[in-house]
N, C-alpha and C. Protein backbone atom coordinates (compact mmCIF):
# COMPACT_ATOMS: atom_id res chain seq x y z
N MET A 1 -9.07 26.77 71.67
CA MET A 1 -9.04 25.41 71.49
C MET A 1 -9.97 24.85 70.49
N ILE A 2 -11.40 24.78 71.06
CA ILE A 2 -12.39 24.33 69.90
C ILE A 2 -12.73 25.40 68.79
N VAL A 3 -12.22 26.48 68.84
CA VAL A 3 -12.54 27.34 67.85
C VAL A 3 -11.30 27.14 66.78
N ILE A 4 -9.87 26.85 67.05
CA ILE A 4 -9.15 26.61 66.37
C ILE A 4 -9.17 25.30 65.39
N HIS A 5 -9.58 24.08 66.39
CA HIS A 5 -9.90 23.05 65.75
C HIS A 5 -10.96 22.94 64.42
N ARG A 6 -12.07 23.57 64.97
CA ARG A 6 -13.25 24.06 63.89
C ARG A 6 -12.50 24.54 62.65
N ASN A 7 -11.77 25.57 62.61
CA ASN A 7 -11.14 25.99 61.47
C ASN A 7 -10.03 25.27 60.70
N ARG A 8 -9.53 24.19 61.52
CA ARG A 8 -8.65 23.23 61.06
C ARG A 8 -9.49 22.54 60.19
N ILE A 9 -10.57 22.05 60.81
CA ILE A 9 -11.79 21.02 59.85
C ILE A 9 -12.04 21.81 58.88
N LYS A 10 -12.35 23.14 59.03
CA LYS A 10 -13.13 23.97 57.58
C LYS A 10 -12.11 23.89 56.76
N THR A 11 -10.46 24.09 56.90
CA THR A 11 -9.84 24.43 56.25
C THR A 11 -9.43 23.04 55.31
N ILE A 12 -9.24 22.07 56.23
CA ILE A 12 -8.97 20.69 55.54
C ILE A 12 -10.33 20.62 54.62
N ALA A 13 -11.31 20.67 54.94
CA ALA A 13 -12.76 20.40 54.11
C ALA A 13 -12.50 21.18 52.85
N ALA A 14 -12.13 22.34 52.87
CA ALA A 14 -12.07 23.26 51.85
C ALA A 14 -11.16 22.85 50.89
N ILE A 15 -9.95 22.40 51.30
CA ILE A 15 -8.95 21.79 50.47
C ILE A 15 -9.25 20.43 49.86
N LEU A 16 -10.12 19.59 50.27
CA LEU A 16 -10.34 18.52 49.85
C LEU A 16 -11.55 18.71 48.95
N ILE A 17 -12.60 19.42 49.19
CA ILE A 17 -13.40 20.06 48.25
C ILE A 17 -12.50 20.47 46.87
N PHE A 18 -11.62 21.33 46.91
CA PHE A 18 -10.94 21.97 45.84
C PHE A 18 -10.28 20.77 44.98
N PHE A 19 -9.41 19.89 45.62
CA PHE A 19 -8.93 18.75 45.08
C PHE A 19 -9.73 17.92 44.09
N ILE A 20 -11.15 17.78 45.09
CA ILE A 20 -11.84 16.97 44.10
C ILE A 20 -12.54 17.90 42.78
N GLY A 21 -12.46 18.91 43.06
CA GLY A 21 -13.22 19.80 42.09
C GLY A 21 -12.27 19.67 40.90
N ILE A 22 -10.98 19.87 41.14
CA ILE A 22 -9.88 19.67 40.28
C ILE A 22 -9.94 18.24 39.57
N ALA A 23 -10.20 17.25 40.29
CA ALA A 23 -10.15 15.83 39.39
C ALA A 23 -11.37 15.84 38.67
N VAL A 24 -12.38 16.56 39.04
CA VAL A 24 -13.67 16.42 38.17
C VAL A 24 -13.46 17.19 36.73
N ILE A 25 -12.87 18.13 37.03
CA ILE A 25 -12.51 19.34 35.92
C ILE A 25 -11.72 18.44 34.86
N MET A 26 -10.58 17.81 35.57
CA MET A 26 -9.46 17.26 34.73
C MET A 26 -10.21 15.91 34.07
N GLN A 27 -11.00 15.47 34.71
CA GLN A 27 -11.63 14.12 33.95
C GLN A 27 -12.64 14.67 32.88
N TYR A 28 -13.57 15.56 33.54
CA TYR A 28 -14.34 16.28 32.20
C TYR A 28 -13.46 16.74 30.92
N SER A 29 -12.66 17.72 31.20
CA SER A 29 -11.94 18.15 30.08
C SER A 29 -11.07 17.38 29.30
N GLY A 30 -10.48 16.01 29.91
CA GLY A 30 -10.01 15.15 29.35
C GLY A 30 -10.70 14.11 28.18
N ARG A 31 -12.02 14.16 28.68
CA ARG A 31 -13.34 13.46 27.97
C ARG A 31 -13.72 14.40 26.52
N LEU A 32 -13.25 15.79 26.81
CA LEU A 32 -13.55 16.45 25.83
C LEU A 32 -12.27 16.65 24.72
N ILE A 33 -11.28 16.63 25.20
CA ILE A 33 -10.28 16.36 24.53
C ILE A 33 -9.92 15.21 23.77
N TYR A 34 -10.36 14.08 24.36
CA TYR A 34 -10.12 12.69 24.25
C TYR A 34 -11.82 11.88 24.01
N PRO A 35 -12.54 12.31 22.82
CA PRO A 35 -13.91 12.13 22.84
C PRO A 35 -13.92 10.55 22.40
N MET A 36 -15.13 10.16 22.34
CA MET A 36 -15.64 8.75 21.89
C MET A 36 -16.41 8.81 20.88
N LYS A 37 -16.13 9.61 19.81
CA LYS A 37 -17.17 9.85 19.00
C LYS A 37 -17.29 8.36 18.20
N TYR A 38 -18.48 7.98 17.34
CA TYR A 38 -18.62 7.19 16.59
C TYR A 38 -18.38 5.83 17.38
N ARG A 39 -18.53 5.87 18.72
CA ARG A 39 -18.45 4.53 19.56
C ARG A 39 -19.30 3.62 19.41
N ASP A 40 -20.51 3.63 18.59
CA ASP A 40 -21.22 2.56 18.70
C ASP A 40 -20.63 1.67 17.35
N TYR A 41 -20.15 2.26 16.53
CA TYR A 41 -19.22 1.87 15.18
C TYR A 41 -18.14 1.12 15.83
N VAL A 42 -17.26 1.87 16.79
CA VAL A 42 -15.66 1.44 17.39
C VAL A 42 -16.35 0.40 17.87
N PHE A 43 -16.92 0.10 19.02
CA PHE A 43 -17.21 -0.96 19.51
C PHE A 43 -17.97 -2.13 18.57
N PHE A 44 -18.77 -1.81 18.01
CA PHE A 44 -19.08 -2.84 17.17
C PHE A 44 -18.13 -3.77 16.34
N TYR A 45 -17.42 -2.76 15.64
CA TYR A 45 -16.43 -3.45 14.86
C TYR A 45 -14.97 -3.80 15.59
N SER A 46 -14.51 -3.07 16.79
CA SER A 46 -13.60 -3.74 17.41
C SER A 46 -13.83 -4.94 18.08
N GLU A 47 -15.15 -5.33 18.58
CA GLU A 47 -15.51 -6.78 19.02
C GLU A 47 -15.66 -7.73 18.04
N LYS A 48 -16.23 -7.41 16.66
CA LYS A 48 -16.15 -8.19 15.53
C LYS A 48 -14.81 -8.62 15.05
N TYR A 49 -13.85 -8.10 15.32
CA TYR A 49 -12.53 -8.18 14.61
C TYR A 49 -11.24 -8.58 16.23
N ASN A 50 -11.94 -8.36 17.32
CA ASN A 50 -11.16 -8.56 18.41
C ASN A 50 -10.01 -7.84 18.38
N ILE A 51 -10.58 -6.34 18.31
CA ILE A 51 -9.43 -5.37 18.62
C ILE A 51 -9.79 -4.78 19.85
N ASP A 52 -8.91 -3.92 20.63
CA ASP A 52 -9.19 -3.14 21.85
C ASP A 52 -9.96 -1.94 21.07
N PRO A 53 -10.92 -1.63 21.52
CA PRO A 53 -11.51 -0.41 20.91
C PRO A 53 -10.60 0.92 21.68
N PHE A 54 -10.14 0.92 22.63
CA PHE A 54 -9.55 2.14 22.79
C PHE A 54 -8.29 2.27 22.03
N LEU A 55 -7.66 1.18 21.61
CA LEU A 55 -6.69 1.26 20.38
C LEU A 55 -7.51 2.10 19.31
N VAL A 56 -8.64 1.52 18.85
CA VAL A 56 -8.94 2.18 17.58
C VAL A 56 -9.35 3.62 17.83
N PHE A 57 -9.86 3.83 19.04
CA PHE A 57 -10.06 5.08 19.35
C PHE A 57 -8.67 6.37 19.34
N ALA A 58 -7.72 5.52 19.93
CA ALA A 58 -6.50 6.22 19.64
C ALA A 58 -5.85 6.44 18.41
N ILE A 59 -5.95 5.38 17.77
CA ILE A 59 -5.65 5.69 15.89
C ILE A 59 -6.49 6.77 15.44
N ILE A 60 -7.82 6.66 16.03
CA ILE A 60 -8.78 7.78 15.07
C ILE A 60 -8.30 9.17 15.62
N LYS A 61 -7.90 9.19 16.97
CA LYS A 61 -7.44 10.76 17.50
C LYS A 61 -6.24 11.07 16.96
N ALA A 62 -5.25 9.89 16.61
CA ALA A 62 -4.34 10.60 15.91
C ALA A 62 -4.14 10.39 14.34
N GLU A 63 -4.91 10.12 13.72
CA GLU A 63 -4.86 9.99 12.32
C GLU A 63 -5.88 11.44 11.92
N SER A 64 -6.85 11.23 12.61
CA SER A 64 -7.80 12.37 11.82
C SER A 64 -8.55 13.37 12.99
N ASN A 65 -8.03 13.17 14.02
CA ASN A 65 -8.94 13.85 14.93
C ASN A 65 -10.52 13.80 14.93
N PHE A 66 -10.90 12.71 14.58
CA PHE A 66 -12.27 12.57 14.42
C PHE A 66 -12.83 13.43 13.56
N ASN A 67 -12.02 13.66 12.41
CA ASN A 67 -12.78 14.51 11.42
C ASN A 67 -12.77 13.29 10.03
N SER A 68 -14.46 12.99 9.99
CA SER A 68 -14.53 11.74 9.08
C SER A 68 -14.35 12.32 8.02
N LYS A 69 -14.08 13.73 7.23
CA LYS A 69 -13.78 14.23 5.85
C LYS A 69 -12.15 14.34 5.73
N ALA A 70 -11.30 13.90 6.58
CA ALA A 70 -9.96 14.21 6.42
C ALA A 70 -9.34 13.51 5.48
N THR A 71 -8.28 14.13 4.67
CA THR A 71 -7.72 13.61 3.74
C THR A 71 -6.20 14.07 4.00
N SER A 72 -5.05 13.10 3.66
CA SER A 72 -3.86 13.32 3.82
C SER A 72 -3.15 13.74 2.74
N LYS A 73 -1.92 14.07 2.72
CA LYS A 73 -0.95 14.56 1.54
C LYS A 73 -1.03 13.00 0.75
N ARG A 74 -1.09 12.01 1.31
CA ARG A 74 -0.89 10.86 0.35
C ARG A 74 -2.01 10.38 0.13
N ASN A 75 -3.12 10.85 0.33
CA ASN A 75 -4.79 10.91 -0.16
C ASN A 75 -5.14 9.68 0.60
N ALA A 76 -4.97 9.32 2.35
CA ALA A 76 -5.21 8.40 2.97
C ALA A 76 -6.79 9.31 3.46
N ARG A 77 -7.93 8.55 3.54
CA ARG A 77 -8.96 9.10 3.43
C ARG A 77 -9.81 8.92 5.17
N GLY A 78 -10.79 9.81 5.13
CA GLY A 78 -11.66 9.48 6.59
C GLY A 78 -11.16 9.14 8.04
N LEU A 79 -11.73 8.94 8.85
CA LEU A 79 -11.23 8.81 10.45
C LEU A 79 -10.45 8.13 10.56
N MET A 80 -9.91 6.87 9.83
CA MET A 80 -8.58 5.95 10.13
C MET A 80 -7.54 6.03 9.11
N GLN A 81 -7.98 7.42 8.24
CA GLN A 81 -6.84 7.68 7.12
C GLN A 81 -6.25 6.26 6.41
N ILE A 82 -7.23 5.68 5.67
CA ILE A 82 -7.17 4.38 4.94
C ILE A 82 -6.75 4.85 3.33
N THR A 83 -5.89 4.34 3.14
CA THR A 83 -5.39 4.72 1.61
C THR A 83 -6.37 4.06 0.56
N ASP A 84 -6.34 4.44 -0.65
CA ASP A 84 -7.49 3.92 -1.78
C ASP A 84 -7.10 2.21 -1.95
N ARG A 85 -6.08 2.08 -1.79
CA ARG A 85 -5.52 0.60 -2.20
C ARG A 85 -5.69 -0.13 -0.83
N THR A 86 -5.60 0.35 0.23
CA THR A 86 -6.01 -0.79 1.47
C THR A 86 -7.57 -0.86 1.48
N GLY A 87 -8.44 0.43 1.18
CA GLY A 87 -9.69 0.29 0.96
C GLY A 87 -10.10 -0.54 0.26
N ARG A 88 -9.62 -0.82 -0.99
CA ARG A 88 -10.17 -1.62 -1.95
C ARG A 88 -10.04 -3.04 -1.70
N TRP A 89 -8.80 -3.22 -1.24
CA TRP A 89 -8.54 -4.58 -0.58
C TRP A 89 -9.17 -5.02 0.57
N GLY A 90 -9.64 -4.13 1.50
CA GLY A 90 -10.44 -4.70 2.80
C GLY A 90 -11.84 -4.75 2.25
N ALA A 91 -12.40 -3.69 1.39
CA ALA A 91 -13.82 -3.91 0.82
C ALA A 91 -14.09 -5.26 0.20
N GLU A 92 -12.89 -5.59 -0.97
CA GLU A 92 -13.07 -7.01 -1.26
C GLU A 92 -12.97 -7.74 -0.69
N LYS A 93 -12.23 -7.92 0.37
CA LYS A 93 -12.11 -9.22 1.59
C LYS A 93 -13.36 -9.18 2.78
N LEU A 94 -14.08 -7.93 3.09
CA LEU A 94 -15.36 -7.88 3.42
C LEU A 94 -16.57 -8.14 2.79
N GLY A 95 -16.48 -8.13 1.30
CA GLY A 95 -17.55 -8.29 0.53
C GLY A 95 -18.31 -6.97 0.45
N ILE A 96 -17.65 -5.93 0.52
CA ILE A 96 -18.20 -4.62 0.38
C ILE A 96 -18.60 -4.33 -1.14
N GLY A 97 -19.50 -4.57 -1.84
CA GLY A 97 -19.89 -4.47 -3.21
C GLY A 97 -19.78 -2.93 -3.84
N ASP A 98 -19.43 -2.84 -5.02
CA ASP A 98 -19.11 -1.37 -6.06
C ASP A 98 -18.79 -0.17 -4.88
N PHE A 99 -17.59 -0.74 -4.26
CA PHE A 99 -16.53 0.04 -3.47
C PHE A 99 -16.31 1.29 -4.01
N MET A 100 -16.07 2.49 -3.37
CA MET A 100 -15.63 3.65 -4.08
C MET A 100 -14.66 4.23 -3.27
N ALA A 101 -13.51 4.81 -3.33
CA ALA A 101 -12.54 5.66 -2.73
C ALA A 101 -13.29 6.44 -1.53
N GLU A 102 -14.45 7.38 -2.19
CA GLU A 102 -14.91 8.25 -1.54
C GLU A 102 -15.60 7.41 -0.57
N ASP A 103 -16.07 6.37 -0.50
CA ASP A 103 -16.50 5.42 0.81
C ASP A 103 -16.00 5.38 1.71
N LEU A 104 -14.53 5.66 1.74
CA LEU A 104 -13.86 5.92 3.00
C LEU A 104 -13.92 7.13 3.76
N TYR A 105 -14.90 8.10 3.42
CA TYR A 105 -15.48 8.97 3.77
C TYR A 105 -16.37 8.94 4.91
N ASP A 106 -16.97 7.47 4.69
CA ASP A 106 -18.48 7.13 5.59
C ASP A 106 -17.87 6.64 6.94
N PRO A 107 -18.12 7.17 8.15
CA PRO A 107 -17.54 6.63 9.37
C PRO A 107 -17.65 5.26 9.35
N GLU A 108 -18.80 4.27 9.02
CA GLU A 108 -19.07 3.21 9.19
C GLU A 108 -18.16 2.35 8.41
N THR A 109 -18.18 2.92 7.11
CA THR A 109 -17.13 2.19 6.19
C THR A 109 -15.90 2.07 6.54
N ASN A 110 -15.38 3.36 7.06
CA ASN A 110 -13.88 3.55 7.34
C ASN A 110 -13.24 2.52 8.78
N ILE A 111 -14.40 2.65 9.63
CA ILE A 111 -13.96 2.00 11.11
C ILE A 111 -14.04 0.61 10.29
N SER A 112 -15.25 0.19 9.82
CA SER A 112 -15.16 -1.44 9.26
C SER A 112 -13.69 -2.00 8.90
N ILE A 113 -13.51 -0.83 7.87
CA ILE A 113 -12.32 -1.37 7.02
C ILE A 113 -10.93 -1.35 7.92
N GLY A 114 -11.14 -0.24 8.73
CA GLY A 114 -9.78 0.07 9.70
C GLY A 114 -9.45 -1.19 10.75
N CYS A 115 -10.77 -1.49 11.31
CA CYS A 115 -10.94 -2.49 12.39
C CYS A 115 -10.73 -3.75 11.64
N TRP A 116 -11.01 -4.03 10.40
CA TRP A 116 -10.20 -5.26 9.71
C TRP A 116 -8.84 -5.32 9.67
N TYR A 117 -8.37 -4.31 9.14
CA TYR A 117 -7.13 -4.25 8.97
C TYR A 117 -5.99 -4.27 10.04
N LEU A 118 -6.74 -3.51 11.56
CA LEU A 118 -5.81 -3.59 12.43
C LEU A 118 -5.80 -5.11 12.64
N ALA A 119 -6.91 -6.02 12.71
CA ALA A 119 -6.88 -7.54 13.22
C ALA A 119 -6.04 -8.24 12.00
N HIS A 120 -5.91 -7.84 10.88
CA HIS A 120 -4.76 -8.12 9.93
C HIS A 120 -3.54 -8.16 10.34
N LEU A 121 -3.19 -6.91 10.77
CA LEU A 121 -1.79 -6.64 11.20
C LEU A 121 -1.74 -7.16 12.71
N MET A 122 -2.56 -7.50 13.76
CA MET A 122 -2.57 -8.34 14.67
C MET A 122 -2.08 -9.84 14.26
N LYS A 123 -2.64 -10.30 13.27
CA LYS A 123 -2.02 -11.88 13.02
C LYS A 123 -0.81 -11.57 12.48
N GLN A 124 -0.51 -10.76 11.22
CA GLN A 124 0.77 -10.79 11.15
C GLN A 124 1.98 -10.75 12.01
N PHE A 125 1.60 -9.69 12.97
CA PHE A 125 2.70 -9.51 13.99
C PHE A 125 2.79 -10.02 15.45
N ASP A 126 1.70 -11.14 15.23
CA ASP A 126 1.44 -11.90 16.88
C ASP A 126 0.75 -11.13 17.70
N GLY A 127 0.05 -10.09 17.63
CA GLY A 127 -0.71 -9.21 18.53
C GLY A 127 0.18 -8.33 19.31
N ASP A 128 1.60 -8.28 18.61
CA ASP A 128 2.28 -7.01 19.17
C ASP A 128 1.89 -5.70 18.70
N VAL A 129 1.41 -5.07 19.95
CA VAL A 129 0.61 -3.68 19.50
C VAL A 129 1.44 -2.53 19.07
N ASP A 130 2.73 -2.64 19.49
CA ASP A 130 3.86 -1.60 19.01
C ASP A 130 3.99 -1.88 17.51
N LEU A 131 4.43 -3.20 17.08
CA LEU A 131 4.34 -3.45 15.80
C LEU A 131 3.33 -3.23 14.80
N VAL A 132 2.17 -3.50 15.45
CA VAL A 132 0.73 -2.94 14.76
C VAL A 132 0.71 -1.65 14.53
N ILE A 133 0.99 -0.84 15.57
CA ILE A 133 0.78 0.64 15.18
C ILE A 133 1.62 1.20 14.54
N ALA A 134 3.47 0.82 14.26
CA ALA A 134 4.12 1.28 13.42
C ALA A 134 3.63 0.76 11.99
N ALA A 135 3.56 -0.53 11.87
CA ALA A 135 2.83 -0.94 10.41
C ALA A 135 1.80 -0.26 10.01
N TYR A 136 0.80 0.21 10.88
CA TYR A 136 -0.32 0.92 10.47
C TYR A 136 0.22 2.42 9.76
N ASN A 137 1.30 2.71 10.26
CA ASN A 137 1.39 4.10 9.73
C ASN A 137 2.77 3.92 8.71
N GLY A 138 3.79 2.83 8.89
CA GLY A 138 4.89 3.08 8.26
C GLY A 138 4.95 1.93 6.84
N GLY A 139 3.62 0.98 7.31
CA GLY A 139 3.59 0.06 6.13
C GLY A 139 3.88 -1.47 6.71
N SER A 140 3.23 -2.45 6.52
CA SER A 140 3.62 -3.95 7.18
C SER A 140 4.87 -4.28 6.44
N GLY A 141 5.10 -4.23 5.35
CA GLY A 141 6.30 -4.57 4.51
C GLY A 141 7.41 -3.87 5.22
N LYS A 142 7.42 -2.60 5.21
CA LYS A 142 8.42 -1.78 6.03
C LYS A 142 8.81 -2.36 7.67
N VAL A 143 8.18 -2.43 8.41
CA VAL A 143 8.20 -3.22 9.75
C VAL A 143 8.50 -4.46 9.54
N SER A 144 8.05 -5.48 8.53
CA SER A 144 8.86 -6.64 8.54
C SER A 144 10.37 -6.62 8.02
N GLU A 145 10.80 -5.69 7.28
CA GLU A 145 12.16 -5.54 6.81
C GLU A 145 12.84 -4.71 7.85
N TRP A 146 12.40 -4.22 8.65
CA TRP A 146 13.02 -3.74 9.77
C TRP A 146 13.59 -4.91 10.70
N LEU A 147 12.20 -5.71 10.82
CA LEU A 147 12.60 -6.62 12.00
C LEU A 147 13.58 -7.53 11.35
N LYS A 148 14.07 -7.62 10.32
CA LYS A 148 14.94 -8.56 9.79
C LYS A 148 16.50 -7.96 9.65
N ASN A 149 16.40 -6.52 10.17
CA ASN A 149 17.82 -5.76 9.64
C ASN A 149 18.07 -5.82 11.22
N LYS A 150 19.39 -6.32 11.86
CA LYS A 150 19.74 -5.85 12.81
C LYS A 150 20.05 -4.90 13.33
N GLU A 151 20.43 -3.66 12.48
CA GLU A 151 20.23 -2.16 12.79
C GLU A 151 19.22 -1.99 13.34
N TYR A 152 17.96 -2.43 13.32
CA TYR A 152 16.73 -1.75 13.85
C TYR A 152 16.11 -3.11 14.72
N SER A 153 16.71 -3.99 14.58
CA SER A 153 16.26 -5.27 15.61
C SER A 153 17.04 -6.06 15.70
N ASP A 154 17.59 -6.38 17.28
CA ASP A 154 18.27 -7.13 17.66
C ASP A 154 17.91 -8.76 17.87
N THR A 155 16.58 -8.87 17.93
CA THR A 155 16.06 -10.12 17.99
C THR A 155 15.05 -10.59 16.91
N GLY A 156 14.67 -9.69 16.05
CA GLY A 156 13.91 -9.98 14.84
C GLY A 156 12.49 -10.15 15.44
N GLU A 157 12.30 -9.92 16.50
CA GLU A 157 10.88 -9.80 17.41
C GLU A 157 10.10 -8.59 17.71
N ASN A 158 11.21 -7.50 17.75
CA ASN A 158 10.49 -6.30 18.11
C ASN A 158 11.78 -4.99 17.68
N LEU A 159 11.13 -3.82 17.56
CA LEU A 159 11.83 -2.99 16.94
C LEU A 159 12.88 -2.37 17.84
N ASP A 160 14.04 -2.10 17.77
CA ASP A 160 14.69 -1.48 18.76
C ASP A 160 14.97 -0.10 18.24
N ARG A 161 14.93 0.23 16.97
CA ARG A 161 14.85 1.40 16.34
C ARG A 161 14.09 1.61 15.30
N ILE A 162 13.41 2.76 15.10
CA ILE A 162 12.53 2.91 13.73
C ILE A 162 13.41 3.99 13.03
N PRO A 163 13.51 3.49 11.75
CA PRO A 163 14.23 4.65 10.88
C PRO A 163 13.66 5.63 10.33
N PHE A 164 11.96 5.71 10.29
CA PHE A 164 11.19 6.67 9.77
C PHE A 164 10.73 7.43 10.96
N SER A 165 11.33 8.88 11.05
CA SER A 165 10.94 9.57 11.96
C SER A 165 9.36 9.82 12.14
N GLU A 166 8.79 9.94 11.45
CA GLU A 166 7.39 10.25 11.45
C GLU A 166 6.68 8.90 11.90
N THR A 167 7.38 7.58 11.72
CA THR A 167 6.52 6.62 12.59
C THR A 167 6.81 6.61 13.93
N ARG A 168 8.49 6.70 14.16
CA ARG A 168 8.66 6.85 15.58
C ARG A 168 7.19 7.79 16.55
N ILE A 169 7.27 9.25 15.65
CA ILE A 169 6.57 10.01 16.55
C ILE A 169 5.32 9.37 16.79
N TYR A 170 4.79 9.00 15.43
CA TYR A 170 3.24 8.37 15.26
C TYR A 170 3.15 7.33 16.37
N LEU A 171 4.07 6.29 16.71
CA LEU A 171 3.70 5.37 17.73
C LEU A 171 3.95 5.92 18.89
N ASP A 172 4.51 6.83 19.19
CA ASP A 172 4.63 7.54 20.70
C ASP A 172 2.85 8.62 20.70
N ARG A 173 2.98 8.74 19.48
CA ARG A 173 1.49 9.79 19.88
C ARG A 173 0.19 8.48 20.14
N VAL A 174 0.30 7.34 19.32
CA VAL A 174 -0.58 6.49 19.41
C VAL A 174 -0.73 5.84 20.76
N ARG A 175 0.61 5.71 21.35
CA ARG A 175 0.63 4.73 22.52
C ARG A 175 0.09 5.94 23.74
N ASN A 176 0.45 7.18 23.37
CA ASN A 176 0.01 8.24 24.66
C ASN A 176 -1.53 8.20 24.41
N ASN A 177 -2.12 8.10 23.25
CA ASN A 177 -3.64 8.25 23.37
C ASN A 177 -4.04 7.11 23.73
N TYR A 178 -3.77 5.92 23.83
CA TYR A 178 -4.22 4.65 23.77
C TYR A 178 -4.35 4.77 25.59
N THR A 179 -3.14 5.10 26.29
CA THR A 179 -3.20 5.32 27.72
C THR A 179 -3.98 5.92 28.26
N ILE A 180 -4.18 7.24 27.57
CA ILE A 180 -5.27 8.23 28.08
C ILE A 180 -6.57 7.84 27.76
N TYR A 181 -6.95 7.07 26.42
CA TYR A 181 -8.31 6.78 26.72
C TYR A 181 -8.53 5.54 27.58
N LYS A 182 -7.45 4.59 27.89
CA LYS A 182 -7.81 3.75 29.04
C LYS A 182 -8.06 4.16 30.20
N GLU A 183 -7.16 5.38 30.70
CA GLU A 183 -7.81 6.05 31.88
C GLU A 183 -8.56 6.82 32.15
N LEU A 184 -8.97 7.47 30.79
CA LEU A 184 -10.45 7.79 30.85
C LEU A 184 -11.87 7.30 30.85
N TYR A 185 -11.70 5.95 30.15
CA TYR A 185 -12.81 5.11 30.11
C TYR A 185 -12.79 3.81 30.43
N GLU A 186 -11.63 3.18 30.79
CA GLU A 186 -11.91 1.99 30.83
C GLU A 186 -13.00 1.29 31.92
N LYS A 187 -12.50 2.00 33.06
CA LYS A 187 -13.56 1.76 34.29
C LYS A 187 -15.23 1.60 33.80
N ASP A 188 -15.42 2.52 32.91
CA ASP A 188 -16.92 2.84 32.39
C ASP A 188 -17.27 1.47 31.99
N PHE A 189 -16.79 0.66 30.97
CA PHE A 189 -16.77 -0.57 30.51
C PHE A 189 -16.67 -1.98 31.08
């Protein structure tokens, strides 16, 4: 009887150790797949512009996967894939003198302008994160048009349907990234 009881305790302990080990491995591998590269810049500029830093990480993950030299087919550049036009506009508003499009490959400049732009979108869309994410990808003018169209928005306040498949997929990807970043890191801050 005592031998059976000891074996049962050893089995339960082994199972617990196994599951704890799996949880540790999953947490560690999750942080490898969803890193917080450039965290000093992200935290500084997200705080400066009152943006959730996990949203910024989620966008960087979706846009460039942390490749500061990334360039899209549409010539968006850097970590947050900022277009030359948005870069010039942001640089002007932020007082960045002698701005050149190549400056968007600099992580600090890119994150600074990207966070400023996200704050601009947050104001425009009354803090609705889904609309901000959709506008970041599809353009704020397009999102505003969709909100006025009953085919895409019943209320004019949120999107029931997004006509651009790229923007629909992007919204889902960023939402997913955002959830994962919060699950992996929120308790650390």
